[in-house]
């Protein structure tokens, strides 16, 4: 049987609306993914800045790069000059921070509760404002 023009118009409008809603849902999901990724990046960025071991024997400076972080571990200043012990690129691997130094890939651990970051073999560092406050 033939459908009336009105019924075909309604079915066409419903199909169009359905397609529009699917597209909107896909777009919204993409935006939600971007927001999640941005929130994770913002949470990770708290590691940027100055850090010092509790015994004051080593310092750490971390800065943000487009694809990760730059970390420099140094000995305390002698005659107002820092002695750099190591400079390394820290990359984000999922939810984990990784750095390759001393010929080995290491997992860099952070503890936001204690405001600390640990570089295996170099120690645990606390934020400078906790140490020098």
Foldseek 3Di string as FASTA:
>chain_A
DDDDPVVVVVVVVVVVVVVVVVVVVVVVVVVVVVVVVVVLVVVVQVPAAKWAALVRQKIKHWDDDPFFIKIWIWGDDDVNDTHTPDIWTWGDDPNWIWTADPNRIDTWDADVVQQWIADPPPGIIHHPVVRVD
